[in-house]
Amino acid sequence: MNTLMMQMRHTANELRVTLDHVLHGGEAAVEPQNPDEAVPFLSESGVHNIPEDDINFVYLAENVRVPKDLYDRVADISDYKKYVGALLMIIFDRDTLATHCLQGRKNNFTGEDSHKPPLPRDILKSLMDHVAEKFGVDITQIKYAIRTKLNNEDKLLKKRLGLAKAENRAAVDQTFYQDASLLSRKDAMANGSEF
């Protein structure tokens, strides 16, 4: 199941890259994948057995590979917090970041398990090791930056869903006011006060 999710994420990422490239005036450069062909990942294939199509990818760490063109856009970011956020957006989509947490531990206040599943530990560990090596910052600071990004994406998702609820609420309110005006006419007719 994990391999299937990785393949789906890889395909979605390729589609995003192609769409972005086409929107900026280029032609679709990514070739469609053969569905019978398994997508090789570093953990399955090993470091020394890199297929030829992996030229388009950059290996940041043992379990993290990202498309080269996307990484080139974020490689020059000098603030580790922004760099972490950009890498998370490359590796995961917004919905995944909004619906997952860092470790999935119990809540200290209530003692309940986290209602969100944790992001894959091996990917996060590799990402944190890469950022620690590149910027020379402590792992706890990187975890804080990841939590901040996850919380921000969660707030954005709730806001997007809240806007949809507000639109539905406006439609319900409009229907309510129409129904209320009909009721007031019926009441007025029953009292004989309407002509």
N, C-alpha and C. Protein backbone atom coordinates (compact mmCIF):
# COMPACT_ATOMS: atom_id res chain seq x y z
N MET A 1 0.83 -1.19 0.00
CA MET A 1 0.00 0.00 0.00
C MET A 1 0.87 1.25 0.00
N ASN A 2 1.96 1.20 0.75
CA ASN A 2 2.86 2.35 0.83
C ASN A 2 3.46 2.66 -0.53
N THR A 3 3.81 1.63 -1.29
CA THR A 3 4.38 1.81 -2.62
C THR A 3 3.36 2.46 -3.55
N LEU A 4 2.10 2.02 -3.44
CA LEU A 4 1.05 2.60 -4.26
C LEU A 4 0.88 4.09 -3.96
N MET A 5 0.91 4.45 -2.70
CA MET A 5 0.79 5.87 -2.32
C MET A 5 1.97 6.67 -2.86
N MET A 6 3.16 6.10 -2.79
CA MET A 6 4.33 6.80 -3.32
C MET A 6 4.21 6.97 -4.83
N GLN A 7 3.70 5.97 -5.53
CA GLN A 7 3.53 6.08 -6.97
C GLN A 7 2.49 7.15 -7.31
N MET A 8 1.41 7.19 -6.55
CA MET A 8 0.38 8.20 -6.77
C MET A 8 0.93 9.59 -6.52
N ARG A 9 1.70 9.76 -5.46
CA ARG A 9 2.29 11.06 -5.14
C ARG A 9 3.26 11.48 -6.24
N HIS A 10 4.04 10.51 -6.73
CA HIS A 10 5.00 10.77 -7.80
C HIS A 10 4.27 11.23 -9.08
N THR A 11 3.20 10.53 -9.43
CA THR A 11 2.42 10.88 -10.61
C THR A 11 1.78 12.25 -10.46
N ALA A 12 1.22 12.53 -9.30
CA ALA A 12 0.62 13.85 -9.05
C ALA A 12 1.66 14.95 -9.15
N ASN A 13 2.85 14.68 -8.66
CA ASN A 13 3.92 15.67 -8.72
C ASN A 13 4.33 15.91 -10.18
N GLU A 14 4.41 14.84 -10.98
CA GLU A 14 4.74 15.00 -12.39
C GLU A 14 3.68 15.82 -13.11
N LEU A 15 2.42 15.58 -12.77
CA LEU A 15 1.34 16.35 -13.39
C LEU A 15 1.42 17.83 -13.02
N ARG A 16 1.75 18.11 -11.74
CA ARG A 16 1.91 19.50 -11.32
C ARG A 16 3.05 20.18 -12.06
N VAL A 17 4.16 19.48 -12.22
CA VAL A 17 5.31 20.04 -12.93
C VAL A 17 4.96 20.31 -14.38
N THR A 18 4.29 19.36 -15.02
CA THR A 18 3.91 19.54 -16.42
C THR A 18 2.94 20.69 -16.58
N LEU A 19 1.94 20.77 -15.73
CA LEU A 19 0.97 21.85 -15.80
C LEU A 19 1.65 23.20 -15.59
N ASP A 20 2.52 23.27 -14.62
CA ASP A 20 3.24 24.52 -14.36
C ASP A 20 4.09 24.91 -15.56
N HIS A 21 4.74 23.93 -16.16
CA HIS A 21 5.59 24.20 -17.33
C HIS A 21 4.75 24.69 -18.51
N VAL A 22 3.61 24.06 -18.75
CA VAL A 22 2.73 24.44 -19.85
C VAL A 22 2.14 25.83 -19.61
N LEU A 23 1.74 26.11 -18.39
CA LEU A 23 1.17 27.43 -18.07
C LEU A 23 2.17 28.55 -18.27
N HIS A 24 3.45 28.25 -18.17
CA HIS A 24 4.47 29.28 -18.36
C HIS A 24 5.00 29.31 -19.80
N GLY A 25 4.23 28.73 -20.74
CA GLY A 25 4.56 28.87 -22.15
C GLY A 25 5.38 27.75 -22.75
N GLY A 26 5.68 26.72 -22.02
CA GLY A 26 6.46 25.63 -22.57
C GLY A 26 5.56 24.51 -23.06
N GLU A 27 6.16 23.49 -23.62
CA GLU A 27 5.42 22.31 -24.04
C GLU A 27 5.54 21.25 -22.95
N ALA A 28 4.63 20.32 -22.96
CA ALA A 28 4.65 19.25 -21.97
C ALA A 28 5.90 18.40 -22.18
N ALA A 29 6.83 18.46 -21.23
CA ALA A 29 8.10 17.76 -21.39
C ALA A 29 8.12 16.41 -20.69
N VAL A 30 7.20 16.19 -19.77
CA VAL A 30 7.20 14.93 -19.03
C VAL A 30 6.46 13.88 -19.83
N GLU A 31 7.10 12.75 -20.06
CA GLU A 31 6.49 11.67 -20.80
C GLU A 31 5.58 10.89 -19.87
N PRO A 32 4.44 10.42 -20.36
CA PRO A 32 3.55 9.64 -19.49
C PRO A 32 4.21 8.33 -19.08
N GLN A 33 3.88 7.90 -17.87
CA GLN A 33 4.47 6.68 -17.36
C GLN A 33 3.73 5.46 -17.91
N ASN A 34 4.43 4.38 -18.04
CA ASN A 34 3.83 3.12 -18.40
C ASN A 34 3.21 2.55 -17.13
N PRO A 35 1.90 2.27 -17.09
CA PRO A 35 1.29 1.79 -15.85
C PRO A 35 1.83 0.45 -15.39
N ASP A 36 2.40 -0.36 -16.32
CA ASP A 36 2.94 -1.65 -15.92
C ASP A 36 4.32 -1.52 -15.29
N GLU A 37 4.96 -0.39 -15.52
CA GLU A 37 6.33 -0.18 -15.03
C GLU A 37 6.28 0.39 -13.61
N ALA A 38 6.95 -0.24 -12.69
CA ALA A 38 6.98 0.24 -11.31
C ALA A 38 7.89 1.46 -11.21
N VAL A 39 7.49 2.41 -10.41
CA VAL A 39 8.30 3.61 -10.21
C VAL A 39 9.40 3.27 -9.20
N PRO A 40 10.65 3.40 -9.59
CA PRO A 40 11.71 3.05 -8.66
C PRO A 40 11.93 4.16 -7.63
N PHE A 41 12.03 3.77 -6.39
CA PHE A 41 12.33 4.70 -5.32
C PHE A 41 13.65 4.29 -4.71
N LEU A 42 14.30 5.23 -4.08
CA LEU A 42 15.64 5.00 -3.56
C LEU A 42 15.66 3.87 -2.55
N SER A 43 14.64 3.80 -1.70
CA SER A 43 14.65 2.76 -0.68
C SER A 43 14.52 1.37 -1.29
N GLU A 44 13.90 1.27 -2.49
CA GLU A 44 13.75 -0.03 -3.13
C GLU A 44 14.94 -0.38 -4.01
N SER A 45 15.46 0.61 -4.72
CA SER A 45 16.46 0.30 -5.73
C SER A 45 17.90 0.45 -5.24
N GLY A 46 18.11 1.19 -4.17
CA GLY A 46 19.46 1.39 -3.67
C GLY A 46 20.14 2.56 -4.34
N VAL A 47 21.16 3.10 -3.72
CA VAL A 47 21.84 4.30 -4.21
C VAL A 47 22.63 4.01 -5.48
N HIS A 48 23.25 2.84 -5.58
CA HIS A 48 24.14 2.56 -6.69
C HIS A 48 23.40 2.08 -7.94
N ASN A 49 22.13 1.79 -7.81
CA ASN A 49 21.36 1.28 -8.93
C ASN A 49 20.32 2.32 -9.36
N ILE A 50 20.76 3.50 -9.79
CA ILE A 50 19.87 4.59 -10.15
C ILE A 50 19.51 4.46 -11.63
N PRO A 51 18.21 4.33 -11.95
CA PRO A 51 17.79 4.23 -13.34
C PRO A 51 18.08 5.51 -14.12
N GLU A 52 18.10 5.39 -15.45
CA GLU A 52 18.44 6.54 -16.28
C GLU A 52 17.42 7.66 -16.18
N ASP A 53 16.13 7.33 -15.96
CA ASP A 53 15.13 8.38 -15.89
C ASP A 53 15.24 9.20 -14.60
N ASP A 54 16.09 8.78 -13.66
CA ASP A 54 16.28 9.53 -12.43
C ASP A 54 17.22 10.71 -12.60
N ILE A 55 17.65 10.98 -13.82
CA ILE A 55 18.47 12.17 -14.08
C ILE A 55 17.67 13.42 -13.77
N ASN A 56 16.35 13.35 -13.88
CA ASN A 56 15.48 14.49 -13.63
C ASN A 56 15.17 14.69 -12.15
N PHE A 57 15.78 13.89 -11.28
CA PHE A 57 15.52 13.99 -9.85
C PHE A 57 16.79 14.30 -9.08
N VAL A 58 16.60 14.96 -7.94
CA VAL A 58 17.69 15.26 -7.04
C VAL A 58 17.45 14.47 -5.76
N TYR A 59 18.46 13.74 -5.32
CA TYR A 59 18.36 12.99 -4.07
C TYR A 59 18.91 13.85 -2.95
N LEU A 60 18.00 14.31 -2.08
CA LEU A 60 18.41 15.16 -0.97
C LEU A 60 18.95 14.33 0.19
N ALA A 61 18.40 13.15 0.35
CA ALA A 61 18.81 12.24 1.42
C ALA A 61 18.41 10.84 1.00
N GLU A 62 18.59 9.91 1.91
CA GLU A 62 18.34 8.51 1.59
C GLU A 62 16.92 8.26 1.09
N ASN A 63 15.92 8.84 1.73
CA ASN A 63 14.52 8.58 1.38
C ASN A 63 13.82 9.75 0.71
N VAL A 64 14.56 10.75 0.29
CA VAL A 64 13.93 11.93 -0.29
C VAL A 64 14.51 12.21 -1.67
N ARG A 65 13.64 12.12 -2.66
CA ARG A 65 14.03 12.52 -4.00
C ARG A 65 12.95 13.47 -4.51
N VAL A 66 13.39 14.54 -5.16
CA VAL A 66 12.47 15.56 -5.66
C VAL A 66 12.81 15.87 -7.10
N PRO A 67 11.84 16.32 -7.88
CA PRO A 67 12.13 16.71 -9.26
C PRO A 67 13.17 17.84 -9.30
N LYS A 68 14.12 17.70 -10.19
CA LYS A 68 15.23 18.65 -10.28
C LYS A 68 14.76 20.06 -10.57
N ASP A 69 13.81 20.23 -11.49
CA ASP A 69 13.36 21.58 -11.82
C ASP A 69 12.66 22.26 -10.65
N LEU A 70 11.92 21.50 -9.84
CA LEU A 70 11.30 22.09 -8.65
C LEU A 70 12.34 22.43 -7.59
N TYR A 71 13.32 21.54 -7.42
CA TYR A 71 14.35 21.80 -6.42
C TYR A 71 15.19 23.02 -6.80
N ASP A 72 15.44 23.19 -8.08
CA ASP A 72 16.23 24.35 -8.52
C ASP A 72 15.57 25.66 -8.12
N ARG A 73 14.26 25.66 -8.02
CA ARG A 73 13.54 26.88 -7.62
C ARG A 73 13.72 27.21 -6.15
N VAL A 74 13.93 26.21 -5.31
CA VAL A 74 14.02 26.44 -3.87
C VAL A 74 15.43 26.28 -3.31
N ALA A 75 16.36 25.83 -4.12
CA ALA A 75 17.70 25.52 -3.63
C ALA A 75 18.42 26.74 -3.07
N ASP A 76 18.11 27.92 -3.58
CA ASP A 76 18.81 29.14 -3.16
C ASP A 76 18.17 29.84 -1.97
N ILE A 77 17.12 29.28 -1.39
CA ILE A 77 16.48 29.90 -0.23
C ILE A 77 17.46 29.86 0.93
N SER A 78 17.67 31.01 1.56
CA SER A 78 18.68 31.09 2.62
C SER A 78 18.09 30.94 4.03
N ASP A 79 16.79 31.03 4.18
CA ASP A 79 16.15 30.86 5.49
C ASP A 79 15.69 29.40 5.61
N TYR A 80 16.14 28.71 6.65
CA TYR A 80 15.84 27.29 6.77
C TYR A 80 14.34 27.04 6.93
N LYS A 81 13.61 27.96 7.57
CA LYS A 81 12.18 27.77 7.76
C LYS A 81 11.45 27.79 6.41
N LYS A 82 11.80 28.74 5.58
CA LYS A 82 11.18 28.82 4.26
C LYS A 82 11.60 27.63 3.40
N TYR A 83 12.84 27.22 3.55
CA TYR A 83 13.35 26.07 2.80
C TYR A 83 12.60 24.80 3.19
N VAL A 84 12.38 24.60 4.48
CA VAL A 84 11.64 23.43 4.96
C VAL A 84 10.22 23.46 4.40
N GLY A 85 9.57 24.61 4.47
CA GLY A 85 8.21 24.73 3.95
C GLY A 85 8.14 24.45 2.46
N ALA A 86 9.11 24.95 1.71
CA ALA A 86 9.13 24.72 0.27
C ALA A 86 9.36 23.24 -0.04
N LEU A 87 10.27 22.59 0.68
CA LEU A 87 10.50 21.17 0.45
C LEU A 87 9.27 20.34 0.81
N LEU A 88 8.60 20.70 1.88
CA LEU A 88 7.38 19.97 2.25
C LEU A 88 6.32 20.10 1.16
N MET A 89 6.23 21.29 0.56
CA MET A 89 5.25 21.49 -0.52
C MET A 89 5.63 20.71 -1.77
N ILE A 90 6.91 20.48 -1.98
CA ILE A 90 7.34 19.68 -3.14
C ILE A 90 7.05 18.20 -2.89
N ILE A 91 7.33 17.74 -1.68
CA ILE A 91 7.21 16.31 -1.37
C ILE A 91 5.76 15.89 -1.16
N PHE A 92 4.99 16.72 -0.44
CA PHE A 92 3.60 16.40 -0.12
C PHE A 92 2.68 17.46 -0.73
N ASP A 93 1.41 17.11 -0.91
CA ASP A 93 0.47 18.11 -1.38
C ASP A 93 -0.16 18.84 -0.19
N ARG A 94 -0.88 19.92 -0.46
CA ARG A 94 -1.45 20.75 0.60
C ARG A 94 -2.39 19.96 1.51
N ASP A 95 -3.23 19.13 0.92
CA ASP A 95 -4.18 18.37 1.73
C ASP A 95 -3.47 17.40 2.67
N THR A 96 -2.41 16.79 2.21
CA THR A 96 -1.66 15.88 3.07
C THR A 96 -1.04 16.64 4.23
N LEU A 97 -0.46 17.81 3.96
CA LEU A 97 0.13 18.60 5.03
C LEU A 97 -0.93 19.07 6.02
N ALA A 98 -2.11 19.39 5.52
CA ALA A 98 -3.17 19.90 6.40
C ALA A 98 -3.78 18.81 7.25
N THR A 99 -3.73 17.57 6.79
CA THR A 99 -4.42 16.49 7.49
C THR A 99 -3.48 15.55 8.24
N HIS A 100 -2.21 15.89 8.31
CA HIS A 100 -1.24 15.06 9.02
C HIS A 100 -0.49 15.88 10.06
N CYS A 101 0.13 15.18 10.99
CA CYS A 101 0.92 15.84 12.02
C CYS A 101 2.36 15.32 11.96
N LEU A 102 3.19 15.87 12.81
CA LEU A 102 4.60 15.52 12.78
C LEU A 102 4.87 14.13 13.35
N GLN A 103 4.34 13.86 14.55
CA GLN A 103 4.68 12.60 15.20
C GLN A 103 3.49 11.74 15.60
N GLY A 104 2.31 12.29 15.68
CA GLY A 104 1.14 11.51 16.05
C GLY A 104 1.14 11.07 17.50
N ARG A 105 1.74 11.88 18.37
CA ARG A 105 1.80 11.52 19.79
C ARG A 105 0.51 11.87 20.50
N LYS A 106 0.42 11.45 21.76
CA LYS A 106 -0.74 11.79 22.59
C LYS A 106 -0.69 13.25 22.98
N ASN A 107 -1.86 13.81 23.16
CA ASN A 107 -1.99 15.18 23.61
C ASN A 107 -1.63 15.26 25.09
N ASN A 108 -0.77 16.18 25.47
CA ASN A 108 -0.34 16.31 26.86
C ASN A 108 -1.47 16.75 27.79
N PHE A 109 -2.40 17.54 27.27
CA PHE A 109 -3.46 18.07 28.11
C PHE A 109 -4.58 17.05 28.33
N THR A 110 -5.02 16.40 27.27
CA THR A 110 -6.15 15.48 27.39
C THR A 110 -5.74 14.02 27.46
N GLY A 111 -4.53 13.70 27.02
CA GLY A 111 -4.07 12.32 27.02
C GLY A 111 -4.60 11.50 25.86
N GLU A 112 -5.33 12.14 24.94
CA GLU A 112 -5.89 11.44 23.80
C GLU A 112 -4.86 11.32 22.69
N ASP A 113 -5.02 10.29 21.87
CA ASP A 113 -4.17 10.15 20.69
C ASP A 113 -4.48 11.28 19.72
N SER A 114 -3.51 11.61 18.90
CA SER A 114 -3.70 12.65 17.90
C SER A 114 -4.75 12.19 16.90
N HIS A 115 -5.61 13.11 16.49
CA HIS A 115 -6.64 12.77 15.52
C HIS A 115 -6.10 12.78 14.09
N LYS A 116 -4.86 13.20 13.94
CA LYS A 116 -4.23 13.22 12.62
C LYS A 116 -3.14 12.15 12.57
N PRO A 117 -3.02 11.47 11.45
CA PRO A 117 -1.93 10.50 11.32
C PRO A 117 -0.60 11.23 11.11
N PRO A 118 0.50 10.63 11.50
CA PRO A 118 1.80 11.28 11.31
C PRO A 118 2.27 11.15 9.86
N LEU A 119 3.08 12.11 9.44
CA LEU A 119 3.75 12.00 8.13
C LEU A 119 4.75 10.85 8.20
N PRO A 120 5.14 10.27 7.08
CA PRO A 120 6.10 9.15 7.10
C PRO A 120 7.41 9.54 7.79
N ARG A 121 7.78 8.76 8.80
CA ARG A 121 8.95 9.09 9.63
C ARG A 121 10.26 9.04 8.85
N ASP A 122 10.39 8.07 7.96
CA ASP A 122 11.65 7.95 7.23
C ASP A 122 11.88 9.15 6.32
N ILE A 123 10.82 9.64 5.70
CA ILE A 123 10.95 10.82 4.85
C ILE A 123 11.26 12.05 5.69
N LEU A 124 10.55 12.20 6.81
CA LEU A 124 10.81 13.36 7.68
C LEU A 124 12.21 13.33 8.26
N LYS A 125 12.67 12.16 8.68
CA LYS A 125 14.03 12.06 9.23
C LYS A 125 15.06 12.44 8.18
N SER A 126 14.89 11.94 6.97
CA SER A 126 15.83 12.28 5.90
C SER A 126 15.78 13.77 5.58
N LEU A 127 14.59 14.33 5.56
CA LEU A 127 14.43 15.76 5.31
C LEU A 127 15.10 16.59 6.41
N MET A 128 14.89 16.20 7.66
CA MET A 128 15.49 16.94 8.78
C MET A 128 17.01 16.83 8.74
N ASP A 129 17.53 15.65 8.44
CA ASP A 129 18.98 15.47 8.34
C ASP A 129 19.56 16.34 7.23
N HIS A 130 18.87 16.39 6.10
CA HIS A 130 19.33 17.22 4.97
C HIS A 130 19.36 18.70 5.36
N VAL A 131 18.29 19.18 5.98
CA VAL A 131 18.22 20.60 6.36
C VAL A 131 19.26 20.91 7.44
N ALA A 132 19.43 20.00 8.39
CA ALA A 132 20.43 20.22 9.45
C ALA A 132 21.83 20.30 8.86
N GLU A 133 22.11 19.46 7.88
CA GLU A 133 23.42 19.49 7.24
C GLU A 133 23.62 20.74 6.40
N LYS A 134 22.59 21.15 5.68
CA LYS A 134 22.71 22.30 4.79
C LYS A 134 22.80 23.63 5.55
N PHE A 135 22.00 23.77 6.62
CA PHE A 135 21.93 25.05 7.32
C PHE A 135 22.64 25.05 8.68
N GLY A 136 23.00 23.88 9.17
CA GLY A 136 23.67 23.81 10.46
C GLY A 136 22.77 24.18 11.63
N VAL A 137 21.49 23.83 11.54
CA VAL A 137 20.55 24.12 12.62
C VAL A 137 20.19 22.84 13.34
N ASP A 138 19.68 23.00 14.55
CA ASP A 138 19.32 21.87 15.40
C ASP A 138 18.03 21.22 14.90
N ILE A 139 17.90 19.92 15.12
CA ILE A 139 16.72 19.17 14.70
C ILE A 139 15.45 19.72 15.34
N THR A 140 15.53 20.18 16.59
CA THR A 140 14.34 20.71 17.26
C THR A 140 13.83 21.96 16.55
N GLN A 141 14.72 22.79 16.04
CA GLN A 141 14.30 23.97 15.29
C GLN A 141 13.64 23.57 13.97
N ILE A 142 14.14 22.52 13.35
CA ILE A 142 13.56 22.04 12.10
C ILE A 142 12.17 21.46 12.37
N LYS A 143 12.03 20.71 13.46
CA LYS A 143 10.72 20.17 13.83
C LYS A 143 9.73 21.30 14.08
N TYR A 144 10.19 22.37 14.70
CA TYR A 144 9.33 23.53 14.95
C TYR A 144 8.88 24.14 13.62
N ALA A 145 9.78 24.24 12.65
CA ALA A 145 9.43 24.78 11.34
C ALA A 145 8.43 23.87 10.63
N ILE A 146 8.59 22.56 10.77
CA ILE A 146 7.66 21.62 10.15
C ILE A 146 6.29 21.75 10.80
N ARG A 147 6.25 21.82 12.13
CA ARG A 147 4.97 21.98 12.83
C ARG A 147 4.27 23.26 12.41
N THR A 148 5.04 24.33 12.27
CA THR A 148 4.47 25.61 11.85
C THR A 148 3.85 25.48 10.46
N LYS A 149 4.55 24.83 9.55
CA LYS A 149 4.02 24.64 8.19
C LYS A 149 2.77 23.78 8.21
N LEU A 150 2.77 22.70 8.99
CA LEU A 150 1.60 21.84 9.08
C LEU A 150 0.41 22.60 9.66
N ASN A 151 0.65 23.39 10.71
CA ASN A 151 -0.43 24.18 11.32
C ASN A 151 -0.98 25.22 10.35
N ASN A 152 -0.09 25.88 9.61
CA ASN A 152 -0.53 26.87 8.64
C ASN A 152 -1.38 26.25 7.53
N GLU A 153 -0.96 25.09 7.05
CA GLU A 153 -1.74 24.41 6.01
C GLU A 153 -3.08 23.94 6.56
N ASP A 154 -3.11 23.52 7.82
CA ASP A 154 -4.37 23.13 8.46
C ASP A 154 -5.32 24.33 8.53
N LYS A 155 -4.80 25.48 8.93
CA LYS A 155 -5.62 26.69 9.00
C LYS A 155 -6.13 27.09 7.62
N LEU A 156 -5.27 26.99 6.61
CA LEU A 156 -5.69 27.33 5.25
C LEU A 156 -6.79 26.38 4.76
N LEU A 157 -6.66 25.10 5.07
CA LEU A 157 -7.68 24.14 4.67
C LEU A 157 -9.01 24.47 5.36
N LYS A 158 -8.96 24.74 6.64
CA LYS A 158 -10.18 25.09 7.37
C LYS A 158 -10.79 26.37 6.82
N LYS A 159 -9.95 27.30 6.44
CA LYS A 159 -10.44 28.55 5.86
C LYS A 159 -11.10 28.29 4.51
N ARG A 160 -10.47 27.43 3.68
CA ARG A 160 -11.08 27.09 2.39
C ARG A 160 -12.41 26.39 2.59
N LEU A 161 -12.46 25.48 3.54
CA LEU A 161 -13.71 24.78 3.83
C LEU A 161 -14.72 25.72 4.47
N GLY A 162 -14.24 26.65 5.26
CA GLY A 162 -15.12 27.64 5.89
C GLY A 162 -15.78 28.55 4.88
N LEU A 163 -15.04 28.90 3.82
CA LEU A 163 -15.63 29.73 2.77
C LEU A 163 -16.75 28.98 2.07
N ALA A 164 -16.55 27.71 1.84
CA ALA A 164 -17.60 26.91 1.22
C ALA A 164 -18.81 26.83 2.13
N LYS A 165 -18.58 26.69 3.44
CA LYS A 165 -19.68 26.66 4.39
C LYS A 165 -20.39 28.00 4.43
N ALA A 166 -19.64 29.10 4.34
CA ALA A 166 -20.25 30.43 4.36
C ALA A 166 -21.14 30.63 3.14
N GLU A 167 -20.72 30.13 1.97
CA GLU A 167 -21.55 30.22 0.77
C GLU A 167 -22.83 29.42 0.95
N ASN A 168 -22.72 28.23 1.51
CA ASN A 168 -23.91 27.41 1.77
C ASN A 168 -24.81 28.09 2.79
N ARG A 169 -24.19 28.71 3.81
CA ARG A 169 -24.95 29.39 4.83
C ARG A 169 -25.73 30.56 4.23
N ALA A 170 -25.12 31.28 3.28
CA ALA A 170 -25.80 32.40 2.63
C ALA A 170 -27.00 31.91 1.83
N ALA A 171 -26.86 30.79 1.16
CA ALA A 171 -27.98 30.22 0.40
C ALA A 171 -29.09 29.79 1.34
N VAL A 172 -28.75 29.19 2.47
CA VAL A 172 -29.75 28.77 3.45
C VAL A 172 -30.44 29.99 4.04
N ASP A 173 -29.66 31.02 4.36
CA ASP A 173 -30.25 32.25 4.92
C ASP A 173 -31.23 32.87 3.94
N GLN A 174 -30.88 32.90 2.66
CA GLN A 174 -31.76 33.48 1.65
C GLN A 174 -33.07 32.68 1.58
N THR A 175 -32.98 31.37 1.61
CA THR A 175 -34.17 30.52 1.59
C THR A 175 -35.00 30.76 2.84
N PHE A 176 -34.33 30.92 3.99
CA PHE A 176 -35.01 31.17 5.25
C PHE A 176 -35.79 32.47 5.18
N TYR A 177 -35.19 33.52 4.65
CA TYR A 177 -35.86 34.81 4.59
C TYR A 177 -37.06 34.75 3.64
N GLN A 178 -36.93 33.99 2.53
CA GLN A 178 -38.06 33.84 1.62
C GLN A 178 -39.19 33.09 2.31
N ASP A 179 -38.85 32.03 3.05
CA ASP A 179 -39.86 31.27 3.78
C ASP A 179 -40.51 32.12 4.86
N ALA A 180 -39.70 32.95 5.52
CA ALA A 180 -40.22 33.80 6.58
C ALA A 180 -41.19 34.84 6.01
N SER A 181 -40.90 35.37 4.83
CA SER A 181 -41.80 36.35 4.23
C SER A 181 -43.12 35.70 3.83
N LEU A 182 -43.07 34.44 3.36
CA LEU A 182 -44.30 33.72 3.04
C LEU A 182 -45.13 33.47 4.29
N LEU A 183 -44.45 33.13 5.38
CA LEU A 183 -45.16 32.89 6.64
C LEU A 183 -45.85 34.15 7.14
N SER A 184 -45.18 35.28 7.03
CA SER A 184 -45.78 36.52 7.53
C SER A 184 -47.00 36.90 6.70
N ARG A 185 -47.01 36.60 5.39
CA ARG A 185 -48.18 36.86 4.56
C ARG A 185 -49.34 35.95 4.95
N LYS A 186 -49.02 34.66 5.22
CA LYS A 186 -50.09 33.73 5.62
C LYS A 186 -50.69 34.16 6.95
N ASP A 187 -49.83 34.59 7.88
CA ASP A 187 -50.33 35.06 9.19
C ASP A 187 -51.22 36.29 9.01
N ALA A 188 -50.78 37.19 8.13
CA ALA A 188 -51.56 38.40 7.89
C ALA A 188 -52.91 38.06 7.25
N MET A 189 -52.94 37.08 6.36
CA MET A 189 -54.19 36.66 5.73
C MET A 189 -55.12 36.02 6.74
N ALA A 190 -54.53 35.25 7.64
CA ALA A 190 -55.35 34.58 8.66
C ALA A 190 -55.97 35.61 9.59
N ASN A 191 -55.27 36.69 9.88
CA ASN A 191 -55.80 37.74 10.76
C ASN A 191 -56.75 38.67 10.02
N GLY A 192 -56.81 38.58 8.69
CA GLY A 192 -57.68 39.41 7.89
C GLY A 192 -57.15 40.81 7.69
N SER A 193 -55.89 41.03 7.92
CA SER A 193 -55.34 42.37 7.81
C SER A 193 -54.80 42.68 6.43
N GLU A 194 -54.74 41.68 5.54
CA GLU A 194 -54.24 41.94 4.20
C GLU A 194 -55.42 42.14 3.26
N PHE A 195 -55.30 43.05 2.31
CA PHE A 195 -56.38 43.36 1.39
C PHE A 195 -56.58 42.31 0.40
